[in-house]
Amino acid sequence: MSSSGDDPADKLPSGDDPAANTVLTGTIGFLNAGGTLGTLLQGAIFGTLVSVFTGGVDLIQSIVGVPVAALGALSEATETTIDATITEPL
């Protein structure tokens, strides 16, 4: 076997298609190609941790995004009010 990473046992299922049959078929193919269960579990644990951290980042962005959007709207409303009451009559 070559060490260049071309061995099917070195490639975990990509997870591009989240259908249960596709995941199961990819997992069985990985194990049949000589992949180890430890590598498979390591990839699953890493993927789970990345998903949790990604969810946390999305939550923080949502929490910060609400006041920023409100301040942006308030800024635009203030500008429009000043234009309508002061600038336009002049």
C-alpha atoms as a PDB file:
ATOM      1  CA  MET A   1       0.000   0.000   0.000  1.00  0.00           C
ATOM      2  CA  SER A   2       1.167   3.483  -0.735  1.00  0.00           C
ATOM      3  CA  SER A   3       1.508   6.092   1.959  1.00  0.00           C
ATOM      4  CA  SER A   4       0.319   8.897  -0.322  1.00  0.00           C
ATOM      5  CA  GLY A   5      -3.228   8.764   1.053  1.00  0.00           C
ATOM      6  CA  ASP A   6      -4.721   7.066  -2.022  1.00  0.00           C
ATOM      7  CA  ASP A   7      -5.695   3.985  -0.011  1.00  0.00           C
ATOM      8  CA  PRO A   8      -9.508   3.769   0.414  1.00  0.00           C
ATOM      9  CA  ALA A   9      -8.950   2.893   4.071  1.00  0.00           C
ATOM     10  CA  ASP A  10      -7.448   6.363   4.607  1.00  0.00           C
ATOM     11  CA  LYS A  11     -10.589   8.167   3.425  1.00  0.00           C
ATOM     12  CA  LEU A  12     -13.511   8.499   5.803  1.00  0.00           C
ATOM     13  CA  PRO A  13     -17.000   8.787   4.299  1.00  0.00           C
ATOM     14  CA  SER A  14     -17.488  12.421   3.298  1.00  0.00           C
ATOM     15  CA  GLY A  15     -20.994  12.904   4.686  1.00  0.00           C
ATOM     16  CA  ASP A  16     -22.062  14.957   1.643  1.00  0.00           C
ATOM     17  CA  ASP A  17     -25.341  13.039   1.524  1.00  0.00           C
ATOM     18  CA  PRO A  18     -26.844  12.781   5.016  1.00  0.00           C
ATOM     19  CA  ALA A  19     -29.276   9.995   4.071  1.00  0.00           C
ATOM     20  CA  ALA A  20     -29.028   7.049   6.466  1.00  0.00           C
ATOM     21  CA  ASN A  21     -28.412   4.493   3.683  1.00  0.00           C
ATOM     22  CA  THR A  22     -25.598   6.573   2.222  1.00  0.00           C
ATOM     23  CA  VAL A  23     -23.891   6.994   5.593  1.00  0.00           C
ATOM     24  CA  LEU A  24     -24.221   3.302   6.404  1.00  0.00           C
ATOM     25  CA  THR A  25     -22.977   2.252   2.961  1.00  0.00           C
ATOM     26  CA  GLY A  26     -19.994   4.619   3.214  1.00  0.00           C
ATOM     27  CA  THR A  27     -19.152   3.369   6.700  1.00  0.00           C
ATOM     28  CA  ILE A  28     -19.330  -0.278   5.672  1.00  0.00           C
ATOM     29  CA  GLY A  29     -17.238   0.464   2.575  1.00  0.00           C
ATOM     30  CA  PHE A  30     -14.637   2.252   4.719  1.00  0.00           C
ATOM     31  CA  LEU A  31     -14.393  -0.666   7.137  1.00  0.00           C
ATOM     32  CA  ASN A  32     -14.314  -3.251   4.320  1.00  0.00           C
ATOM     33  CA  ALA A  33     -11.461  -1.344   2.642  1.00  0.00           C
ATOM     34  CA  GLY A  34      -9.339  -1.880   5.739  1.00  0.00           C
ATOM     35  CA  GLY A  35     -10.277   1.234   7.682  1.00  0.00           C
ATOM     36  CA  THR A  36     -10.181   0.946  11.445  1.00  0.00           C
ATOM     37  CA  LEU A  37     -13.061   1.520  13.814  1.00  0.00           C
ATOM     38  CA  GLY A  38     -10.825   3.817  15.873  1.00  0.00           C
ATOM     39  CA  THR A  39     -10.329   6.124  12.896  1.00  0.00           C
ATOM     40  CA  LEU A  40     -14.054   6.092  12.214  1.00  0.00           C
ATOM     41  CA  LEU A  41     -14.884   6.952  15.838  1.00  0.00           C
ATOM     42  CA  GLN A  42     -12.222   9.650  15.900  1.00  0.00           C
ATOM     43  CA  GLY A  43     -13.820  11.267  12.839  1.00  0.00           C
ATOM     44  CA  ALA A  44     -17.296  10.999  14.368  1.00  0.00           C
ATOM     45  CA  ILE A  45     -16.186  12.575  17.655  1.00  0.00           C
ATOM     46  CA  PHE A  46     -14.323  15.367  15.842  1.00  0.00           C
ATOM     47  CA  GLY A  47     -17.352  16.033  13.630  1.00  0.00           C
ATOM     48  CA  THR A  48     -19.631  16.205  16.658  1.00  0.00           C
ATOM     49  CA  LEU A  49     -17.330  18.662  18.434  1.00  0.00           C
ATOM     50  CA  VAL A  50     -17.075  20.852  15.340  1.00  0.00           C
ATOM     51  CA  SER A  51     -20.883  20.880  15.072  1.00  0.00           C
ATOM     52  CA  VAL A  52     -21.259  21.932  18.714  1.00  0.00           C
ATOM     53  CA  PHE A  53     -18.712  24.741  18.371  1.00  0.00           C
ATOM     54  CA  THR A  54     -20.270  25.883  15.086  1.00  0.00           C
ATOM     55  CA  GLY A  55     -23.656  26.026  16.803  1.00  0.00           C
ATOM     56  CA  GLY A  56     -22.139  28.104  19.608  1.00  0.00           C
ATOM     57  CA  VAL A  57     -20.642  30.554  17.143  1.00  0.00           C
ATOM     58  CA  ASP A  58     -23.988  30.847  15.330  1.00  0.00           C
ATOM     59  CA  LEU A  59     -25.735  31.514  18.645  1.00  0.00           C
ATOM     60  CA  ILE A  60     -23.265  34.267  19.564  1.00  0.00           C
ATOM     61  CA  GLN A  61     -23.655  35.841  16.119  1.00  0.00           C
ATOM     62  CA  SER A  62     -27.435  35.811  16.537  1.00  0.00           C
ATOM     63  CA  ILE A  63     -27.258  37.400  19.984  1.00  0.00           C
ATOM     64  CA  VAL A  64     -24.959  40.151  18.707  1.00  0.00           C
ATOM     65  CA  GLY A  65     -26.851  40.585  15.439  1.00  0.00           C
ATOM     66  CA  VAL A  66     -30.180  41.571  17.011  1.00  0.00           C
ATOM     67  CA  PRO A  67     -28.980  44.759  18.765  1.00  0.00           C
ATOM     68  CA  VAL A  68     -26.757  45.678  15.819  1.00  0.00           C
ATOM     69  CA  ALA A  69     -29.726  45.456  13.442  1.00  0.00           C
ATOM     70  CA  ALA A  70     -31.858  47.526  15.804  1.00  0.00           C
ATOM     71  CA  LEU A  71     -29.155  50.191  16.100  1.00  0.00           C
ATOM     72  CA  GLY A  72     -28.764  50.270  12.327  1.00  0.00           C
ATOM     73  CA  ALA A  73     -32.501  50.784  11.880  1.00  0.00           C
ATOM     74  CA  LEU A  74     -32.524  53.491  14.568  1.00  0.00           C
ATOM     75  CA  SER A  75     -29.637  55.255  12.846  1.00  0.00           C
ATOM     76  CA  GLU A  76     -31.419  55.193   9.500  1.00  0.00           C
ATOM     77  CA  ALA A  77     -34.681  56.413  11.064  1.00  0.00           C
ATOM     78  CA  THR A  78     -32.867  59.269  12.807  1.00  0.00           C
ATOM     79  CA  GLU A  79     -31.199  60.300   9.571  1.00  0.00           C
ATOM     80  CA  THR A  80     -34.512  60.211   7.696  1.00  0.00           C
ATOM     81  CA  THR A  81     -36.242  62.236  10.438  1.00  0.00           C
ATOM     82  CA  ILE A  82     -33.549  64.917  10.399  1.00  0.00           C
ATOM     83  CA  ASP A  83     -33.694  65.103   6.608  1.00  0.00           C
ATOM     84  CA  ALA A  84     -37.495  65.416   6.627  1.00  0.00           C
ATOM     85  CA  THR A  85     -37.755  67.997   9.413  1.00  0.00           C
ATOM     86  CA  ILE A  86     -34.675  70.160   8.973  1.00  0.00           C
ATOM     87  CA  THR A  87     -32.951  69.682   5.623  1.00  0.00           C
ATOM     88  CA  GLU A  88     -35.967  69.469   3.269  1.00  0.00           C
ATOM     89  CA  PRO A  89     -37.753  72.619   4.492  1.00  0.00           C
ATOM     90  CA  LEU A  90     -34.582  74.638   3.970  1.00  0.00           C
END
